[in-house]
Amino acid sequence: KDLKEQNMQGLVIDLRSNSGGLLNNAINIL
């Protein structure tokens, strides 16, 4: 939401060294 308010034109999602976690949060992000 904050990035959209700043007129974001593209997005980089950094998942490096992310070992995972709760599946429902990953689905909610998707």
PDB file of all heavy atoms in Angstrom:
ATOM      1  N   LYS A   1       0.835  -1.201   0.000  1.00  0.00           N
ATOM      2  CA  LYS A   1       0.000   0.000   0.000  1.00  0.00           C
ATOM      3  C   LYS A   1       0.872   1.255   0.000  1.00  0.00           C
ATOM      4  O   LYS A   1       0.626   2.205  -0.757  1.00  0.00           O
ATOM      5  CB  LYS A   1      -0.924  -0.020   1.212  1.00  0.00           C
ATOM      6  CG  LYS A   1      -1.868   1.144   1.270  1.00  0.00           C
ATOM      7  CD  LYS A   1      -2.760   1.060   2.490  1.00  0.00           C
ATOM      8  CE  LYS A   1      -3.659   2.279   2.541  1.00  0.00           C
ATOM      9  NZ  LYS A   1      -4.195   2.520   3.853  1.00  0.00           N
ATOM     10  N   ASP A   2       1.907   1.253   0.840  1.00  0.00           N
ATOM     11  CA  ASP A   2       2.814   2.397   0.916  1.00  0.00           C
ATOM     12  C   ASP A   2       3.544   2.609  -0.411  1.00  0.00           C
ATOM     13  O   ASP A   2       3.674   3.747  -0.882  1.00  0.00           O
ATOM     14  CB  ASP A   2       3.806   2.179   2.060  1.00  0.00           C
ATOM     15  CG  ASP A   2       4.688   3.381   2.314  1.00  0.00           C
ATOM     16  OD1 ASP A   2       4.206   4.523   2.180  1.00  0.00           O
ATOM     17  OD2 ASP A   2       5.877   3.188   2.658  1.00  0.00           O
ATOM     18  N   LEU A   3       3.993   1.527  -1.039  1.00  0.00           N
ATOM     19  CA  LEU A   3       4.705   1.638  -2.310  1.00  0.00           C
ATOM     20  C   LEU A   3       3.793   2.159  -3.410  1.00  0.00           C
ATOM     21  O   LEU A   3       4.209   2.948  -4.256  1.00  0.00           O
ATOM     22  CB  LEU A   3       5.302   0.288  -2.703  1.00  0.00           C
ATOM     23  CG  LEU A   3       6.376  -0.287  -1.771  1.00  0.00           C
ATOM     24  CD1 LEU A   3       6.837  -1.642  -2.259  1.00  0.00           C
ATOM     25  CD2 LEU A   3       7.539   0.668  -1.616  1.00  0.00           C
ATOM     26  N   LYS A   4       2.531   1.717  -3.420  1.00  0.00           N
ATOM     27  CA  LYS A   4       1.573   2.214  -4.408  1.00  0.00           C
ATOM     28  C   LYS A   4       1.351   3.708  -4.248  1.00  0.00           C
ATOM     29  O   LYS A   4       1.248   4.436  -5.235  1.00  0.00           O
ATOM     30  CB  LYS A   4       0.242   1.467  -4.277  1.00  0.00           C
ATOM     31  CG  LYS A   4       0.247   0.095  -4.912  1.00  0.00           C
ATOM     32  CD  LYS A   4      -1.019  -0.675  -4.661  1.00  0.00           C
ATOM     33  CE  LYS A   4      -2.279   0.065  -5.009  1.00  0.00           C
ATOM     34  NZ  LYS A   4      -3.500  -0.728  -4.779  1.00  0.00           N
ATOM     35  N   GLU A   5       1.275   4.178  -3.003  1.00  0.00           N
ATOM     36  CA  GLU A   5       1.100   5.608  -2.740  1.00  0.00           C
ATOM     37  C   GLU A   5       2.302   6.420  -3.205  1.00  0.00           C
ATOM     38  O   GLU A   5       2.180   7.612  -3.469  1.00  0.00           O
ATOM     39  CB  GLU A   5       0.842   5.841  -1.255  1.00  0.00           C
ATOM     40  CG  GLU A   5      -0.515   5.357  -0.807  1.00  0.00           C
ATOM     41  CD  GLU A   5      -0.698   5.386   0.707  1.00  0.00           C
ATOM     42  OE1 GLU A   5       0.264   5.755   1.432  1.00  0.00           O
ATOM     43  OE2 GLU A   5      -1.799   5.005   1.162  1.00  0.00           O
ATOM     44  N   GLN A   6       3.471   5.761  -3.311  1.00  0.00           N
ATOM     45  CA  GLN A   6       4.685   6.424  -3.797  1.00  0.00           C
ATOM     46  C   GLN A   6       4.858   6.246  -5.304  1.00  0.00           C
ATOM     47  O   GLN A   6       5.938   6.460  -5.833  1.00  0.00           O
ATOM     48  CB  GLN A   6       5.905   5.874  -3.055  1.00  0.00           C
ATOM     49  CG  GLN A   6       5.906   6.165  -1.577  1.00  0.00           C
ATOM     50  CD  GLN A   6       7.142   5.611  -0.900  1.00  0.00           C
ATOM     51  OE1 GLN A   6       8.258   5.856  -1.352  1.00  0.00           O
ATOM     52  NE2 GLN A   6       6.953   4.860   0.167  1.00  0.00           N
ATOM     53  N   ASN A   7       3.780   5.827  -5.985  1.00  0.00           N
ATOM     54  CA  ASN A   7       3.759   5.686  -7.448  1.00  0.00           C
ATOM     55  C   ASN A   7       4.742   4.636  -7.965  1.00  0.00           C
ATOM     56  O   ASN A   7       5.487   4.866  -8.916  1.00  0.00           O
ATOM     57  CB  ASN A   7       4.011   7.044  -8.117  1.00  0.00           C
ATOM     58  CG  ASN A   7       3.502   7.046  -9.544  1.00  0.00           C
ATOM     59  OD1 ASN A   7       2.620   6.257  -9.900  1.00  0.00           O
ATOM     60  ND2 ASN A   7       4.052   7.926 -10.364  1.00  0.00           N
ATOM     61  N   MET A   8       4.730   3.466  -7.332  1.00  0.00           N
ATOM     62  CA  MET A   8       5.580   2.355  -7.731  1.00  0.00           C
ATOM     63  C   MET A   8       5.238   1.912  -9.163  1.00  0.00           C
ATOM     64  O   MET A   8       4.082   1.750  -9.511  1.00  0.00           O
ATOM     65  CB  MET A   8       5.376   1.188  -6.768  1.00  0.00           C
ATOM     66  CG  MET A   8       6.071  -0.082  -7.174  1.00  0.00           C
ATOM     67  SD  MET A   8       5.700  -1.455  -6.077  1.00  0.00           S
ATOM     68  CE  MET A   8       3.976  -1.733  -6.406  1.00  0.00           C
ATOM     69  N   GLN A   9       6.287   1.705  -9.983  1.00  0.00           N
ATOM     70  CA  GLN A   9       6.114   1.267 -11.372  1.00  0.00           C
ATOM     71  C   GLN A   9       6.518  -0.190 -11.591  1.00  0.00           C
ATOM     72  O   GLN A   9       6.158  -0.795 -12.590  1.00  0.00           O
ATOM     73  CB  GLN A   9       6.937   2.164 -12.313  1.00  0.00           C
ATOM     74  CG  GLN A   9       6.570   3.629 -12.212  1.00  0.00           C
ATOM     75  CD  GLN A   9       5.116   3.877 -12.580  1.00  0.00           C
ATOM     76  OE1 GLN A   9       4.641   3.432 -13.610  1.00  0.00           O
ATOM     77  NE2 GLN A   9       4.394   4.566 -11.701  1.00  0.00           N
ATOM     78  N   GLY A  10       7.280  -0.748 -10.680  1.00  0.00           N
ATOM     79  CA  GLY A  10       7.738  -2.130 -10.732  1.00  0.00           C
ATOM     80  C   GLY A  10       8.058  -2.581  -9.319  1.00  0.00           C
ATOM     81  O   GLY A  10       8.198  -1.749  -8.418  1.00  0.00           O
ATOM     82  N   LEU A  11       8.163  -3.890  -9.104  1.00  0.00           N
ATOM     83  CA  LEU A  11       8.366  -4.411  -7.757  1.00  0.00           C
ATOM     84  C   LEU A  11       9.440  -5.491  -7.733  1.00  0.00           C
ATOM     85  O   LEU A  11       9.453  -6.383  -8.582  1.00  0.00           O
ATOM     86  CB  LEU A  11       7.041  -4.992  -7.220  1.00  0.00           C
ATOM     87  CG  LEU A  11       7.061  -5.647  -5.844  1.00  0.00           C
ATOM     88  CD1 LEU A  11       7.442  -4.642  -4.765  1.00  0.00           C
ATOM     89  CD2 LEU A  11       5.704  -6.266  -5.542  1.00  0.00           C
ATOM     90  N   VAL A  12      10.322  -5.404  -6.735  1.00  0.00           N
ATOM     91  CA  VAL A  12      11.307  -6.440  -6.455  1.00  0.00           C
ATOM     92  C   VAL A  12      10.970  -7.009  -5.076  1.00  0.00           C
ATOM     93  O   VAL A  12      10.869  -6.260  -4.104  1.00  0.00           O
ATOM     94  CB  VAL A  12      12.752  -5.881  -6.460  1.00  0.00           C
ATOM     95  CG1 VAL A  12      13.746  -6.959  -6.031  1.00  0.00           C
ATOM     96  CG2 VAL A  12      13.104  -5.324  -7.827  1.00  0.00           C
ATOM     97  N   ILE A  13      10.765  -8.330  -5.014  1.00  0.00           N
ATOM     98  CA  ILE A  13      10.509  -9.016  -3.748  1.00  0.00           C
ATOM     99  C   ILE A  13      11.759  -9.820  -3.414  1.00  0.00           C
ATOM    100  O   ILE A  13      12.157 -10.699  -4.182  1.00  0.00           O
ATOM    101  CB  ILE A  13       9.280  -9.935  -3.840  1.00  0.00           C
ATOM    102  CG1 ILE A  13       8.041  -9.143  -4.246  1.00  0.00           C
ATOM    103  CG2 ILE A  13       9.052 -10.663  -2.511  1.00  0.00           C
ATOM    104  CD1 ILE A  13       6.838  -9.999  -4.568  1.00  0.00           C
ATOM    105  N   ASP A  14      12.376  -9.515  -2.293  1.00  0.00           N
ATOM    106  CA  ASP A  14      13.630 -10.156  -1.898  1.00  0.00           C
ATOM    107  C   ASP A  14      13.351 -11.300  -0.927  1.00  0.00           C
ATOM    108  O   ASP A  14      12.981 -11.072   0.221  1.00  0.00           O
ATOM    109  CB  ASP A  14      14.553  -9.118  -1.258  1.00  0.00           C
ATOM    110  CG  ASP A  14      15.962  -9.633  -1.043  1.00  0.00           C
ATOM    111  OD1 ASP A  14      16.187 -10.863  -1.161  1.00  0.00           O
ATOM    112  OD2 ASP A  14      16.847  -8.807  -0.742  1.00  0.00           O
ATOM    113  N   LEU A  15      13.521 -12.544  -1.404  1.00  0.00           N
ATOM    114  CA  LEU A  15      13.325 -13.740  -0.585  1.00  0.00           C
ATOM    115  C   LEU A  15      14.646 -14.468  -0.325  1.00  0.00           C
ATOM    116  O   LEU A  15      14.644 -15.639   0.052  1.00  0.00           O
ATOM    117  CB  LEU A  15      12.333 -14.690  -1.273  1.00  0.00           C
ATOM    118  CG  LEU A  15      10.930 -14.146  -1.510  1.00  0.00           C
ATOM    119  CD1 LEU A  15      10.094 -15.148  -2.295  1.00  0.00           C
ATOM    120  CD2 LEU A  15      10.262 -13.803  -0.200  1.00  0.00           C
ATOM    121  N   ARG A  16      15.756 -13.779  -0.522  1.00  0.00           N
ATOM    122  CA  ARG A  16      17.053 -14.429  -0.308  1.00  0.00           C
ATOM    123  C   ARG A  16      17.210 -14.808   1.157  1.00  0.00           C
ATOM    124  O   ARG A  16      16.888 -14.040   2.052  1.00  0.00           O
ATOM    125  CB  ARG A  16      18.197 -13.510  -0.746  1.00  0.00           C
ATOM    126  CG  ARG A  16      18.238 -13.315  -2.262  1.00  0.00           C
ATOM    127  CD  ARG A  16      19.267 -12.324  -2.668  1.00  0.00           C
ATOM    128  NE  ARG A  16      18.913 -11.007  -2.116  1.00  0.00           N
ATOM    129  CZ  ARG A  16      19.664  -9.929  -2.279  1.00  0.00           C
ATOM    130  NH1 ARG A  16      20.794  -9.979  -2.949  1.00  0.00           N
ATOM    131  NH2 ARG A  16      19.270  -8.780  -1.761  1.00  0.00           N
ATOM    132  N   SER A  17      17.693 -16.026   1.393  1.00  0.00           N
ATOM    133  CA  SER A  17      17.919 -16.588   2.738  1.00  0.00           C
ATOM    134  C   SER A  17      16.645 -16.641   3.575  1.00  0.00           C
ATOM    135  O   SER A  17      16.708 -16.658   4.793  1.00  0.00           O
ATOM    136  CB  SER A  17      19.022 -15.814   3.475  1.00  0.00           C
ATOM    137  OG  SER A  17      20.230 -15.908   2.749  1.00  0.00           O
ATOM    138  N   ASN A  18      15.501 -16.698   2.932  1.00  0.00           N
ATOM    139  CA  ASN A  18      14.214 -16.856   3.613  1.00  0.00           C
ATOM    140  C   ASN A  18      13.944 -18.359   3.687  1.00  0.00           C
ATOM    141  O   ASN A  18      13.713 -19.001   2.671  1.00  0.00           O
ATOM    142  CB  ASN A  18      13.120 -16.137   2.835  1.00  0.00           C
ATOM    143  CG  ASN A  18      11.757 -16.243   3.486  1.00  0.00           C
ATOM    144  OD1 ASN A  18      11.411 -17.269   4.062  1.00  0.00           O
ATOM    145  ND2 ASN A  18      10.972 -15.195   3.362  1.00  0.00           N
ATOM    146  N   SER A  19      13.952 -18.904   4.894  1.00  0.00           N
ATOM    147  CA  SER A  19      13.814 -20.353   5.063  1.00  0.00           C
ATOM    148  C   SER A  19      12.368 -20.829   5.053  1.00  0.00           C
ATOM    149  O   SER A  19      12.101 -22.011   5.238  1.00  0.00           O
ATOM    150  CB  SER A  19      14.489 -20.787   6.365  1.00  0.00           C
ATOM    151  OG  SER A  19      13.865 -20.148   7.462  1.00  0.00           O
ATOM    152  N   GLY A  20      11.413 -19.919   4.837  1.00  0.00           N
ATOM    153  CA  GLY A  20      10.012 -20.329   4.740  1.00  0.00           C
ATOM    154  C   GLY A  20       9.229 -19.950   5.970  1.00  0.00           C
ATOM    155  O   GLY A  20       9.433 -18.895   6.556  1.00  0.00           O
ATOM    156  N   GLY A  21       8.305 -20.810   6.343  1.00  0.00           N
ATOM    157  CA  GLY A  21       7.453 -20.532   7.487  1.00  0.00           C
ATOM    158  C   GLY A  21       6.026 -20.957   7.230  1.00  0.00           C
ATOM    159  O   GLY A  21       5.786 -22.026   6.666  1.00  0.00           O
ATOM    160  N   LEU A  22       5.087 -20.095   7.604  1.00  0.00           N
ATOM    161  CA  LEU A  22       3.664 -20.430   7.526  1.00  0.00           C
ATOM    162  C   LEU A  22       3.130 -20.326   6.102  1.00  0.00           C
ATOM    163  O   LEU A  22       3.182 -19.259   5.482  1.00  0.00           O
ATOM    164  CB  LEU A  22       2.866 -19.495   8.449  1.00  0.00           C
ATOM    165  CG  LEU A  22       3.255 -19.537   9.925  1.00  0.00           C
ATOM    166  CD1 LEU A  22       2.489 -18.472  10.696  1.00  0.00           C
ATOM    167  CD2 LEU A  22       3.007 -20.917  10.501  1.00  0.00           C
ATOM    168  N   LEU A  23       2.590 -21.432   5.614  1.00  0.00           N
ATOM    169  CA  LEU A  23       2.091 -21.489   4.245  1.00  0.00           C
ATOM    170  C   LEU A  23       0.964 -20.483   4.012  1.00  0.00           C
ATOM    171  O   LEU A  23       0.918 -19.841   2.961  1.00  0.00           O
ATOM    172  CB  LEU A  23       1.594 -22.905   3.915  1.00  0.00           C
ATOM    173  CG  LEU A  23       0.921 -23.051   2.546  1.00  0.00           C
ATOM    174  CD1 LEU A  23       1.920 -22.816   1.430  1.00  0.00           C
ATOM    175  CD2 LEU A  23       0.267 -24.408   2.415  1.00  0.00           C
ATOM    176  N   ASN A  24       0.052 -20.326   4.971  1.00  0.00           N
ATOM    177  CA  ASN A  24      -1.086 -19.436   4.741  1.00  0.00           C
ATOM    178  C   ASN A  24      -0.640 -17.998   4.507  1.00  0.00           C
ATOM    179  O   ASN A  24      -1.293 -17.259   3.771  1.00  0.00           O
ATOM    180  CB  ASN A  24      -2.107 -19.529   5.875  1.00  0.00           C
ATOM    181  CG  ASN A  24      -1.574 -19.070   7.204  1.00  0.00           C
ATOM    182  OD1 ASN A  24      -0.369 -19.109   7.452  1.00  0.00           O
ATOM    183  ND2 ASN A  24      -2.460 -18.631   8.073  1.00  0.00           N
ATOM    184  N   ASN A  25       0.474 -17.575   5.074  1.00  0.00           N
ATOM    185  CA  ASN A  25       0.986 -16.235   4.813  1.00  0.00           C
ATOM    186  C   ASN A  25       1.545 -16.122   3.400  1.00  0.00           C
ATOM    187  O   ASN A  25       1.380 -15.088   2.751  1.00  0.00           O
ATOM    188  CB  ASN A  25       2.029 -15.840   5.852  1.00  0.00           C
ATOM    189  CG  ASN A  25       1.393 -15.250   7.074  1.00  0.00           C
ATOM    190  OD1 ASN A  25       1.221 -14.043   7.151  1.00  0.00           O
ATOM    191  ND2 ASN A  25       0.985 -16.086   8.007  1.00  0.00           N
ATOM    192  N   ALA A  26       2.187 -17.170   2.919  1.00  0.00           N
ATOM    193  CA  ALA A  26       2.669 -17.172   1.536  1.00  0.00           C
ATOM    194  C   ALA A  26       1.487 -17.099   0.569  1.00  0.00           C
ATOM    195  O   ALA A  26       1.521 -16.341  -0.406  1.00  0.00           O
ATOM    196  CB  ALA A  26       3.498 -18.430   1.271  1.00  0.00           C
ATOM    197  N   ILE A  27       0.422 -17.848   0.841  1.00  0.00           N
ATOM    198  CA  ILE A  27      -0.770 -17.829  -0.017  1.00  0.00           C
ATOM    199  C   ILE A  27      -1.432 -16.453   0.027  1.00  0.00           C
ATOM    200  O   ILE A  27      -1.863 -15.918  -0.999  1.00  0.00           O
ATOM    201  CB  ILE A  27      -1.765 -18.938   0.398  1.00  0.00           C
ATOM    202  CG1 ILE A  27      -1.140 -20.325   0.185  1.00  0.00           C
ATOM    203  CG2 ILE A  27      -3.079 -18.815  -0.355  1.00  0.00           C
ATOM    204  CD1 ILE A  27      -0.743 -20.651  -1.241  1.00  0.00           C
ATOM    205  N   ASN A  28      -1.501 -15.837   1.212  1.00  0.00           N
ATOM    206  CA  ASN A  28      -2.087 -14.503   1.334  1.00  0.00           C
ATOM    207  C   ASN A  28      -1.294 -13.458   0.549  1.00  0.00           C
ATOM    208  O   ASN A  28      -1.870 -12.534  -0.023  1.00  0.00           O
ATOM    209  CB  ASN A  28      -2.206 -14.089   2.800  1.00  0.00           C
ATOM    210  CG  ASN A  28      -3.288 -14.855   3.522  1.00  0.00           C
ATOM    211  OD1 ASN A  28      -4.204 -15.396   2.906  1.00  0.00           O
ATOM    212  ND2 ASN A  28      -3.185 -14.933   4.838  1.00  0.00           N
ATOM    213  N   ILE A  29       0.019 -13.602   0.503  1.00  0.00           N
ATOM    214  CA  ILE A  29       0.847 -12.699  -0.299  1.00  0.00           C
ATOM    215  C   ILE A  29       0.584 -12.937  -1.781  1.00  0.00           C
ATOM    216  O   ILE A  29       0.430 -11.991  -2.556  1.00  0.00           O
ATOM    217  CB  ILE A  29       2.335 -12.863   0.067  1.00  0.00           C
ATOM    218  CG1 ILE A  29       2.590 -12.223   1.433  1.00  0.00           C
ATOM    219  CG2 ILE A  29       3.246 -12.269  -1.000  1.00  0.00           C
ATOM    220  CD1 ILE A  29       3.952 -12.480   2.015  1.00  0.00           C
ATOM    221  N   LEU A  30       0.500 -14.194  -2.191  1.00  0.00           N
ATOM    222  CA  LEU A  30       0.199 -14.508  -3.596  1.00  0.00           C
ATOM    223  C   LEU A  30      -1.168 -13.969  -3.993  1.00  0.00           C
ATOM    224  O   LEU A  30      -1.370 -13.530  -5.134  1.00  0.00           O
ATOM    225  CB  LEU A  30       0.280 -16.017  -3.824  1.00  0.00           C
ATOM    226  CG  LEU A  30       1.690 -16.597  -3.814  1.00  0.00           C
ATOM    227  CD1 LEU A  30       1.647 -18.116  -3.763  1.00  0.00           C
ATOM    228  CD2 LEU A  30       2.477 -16.118  -5.021  1.00  0.00           C
TER     229      LEU A  30
END
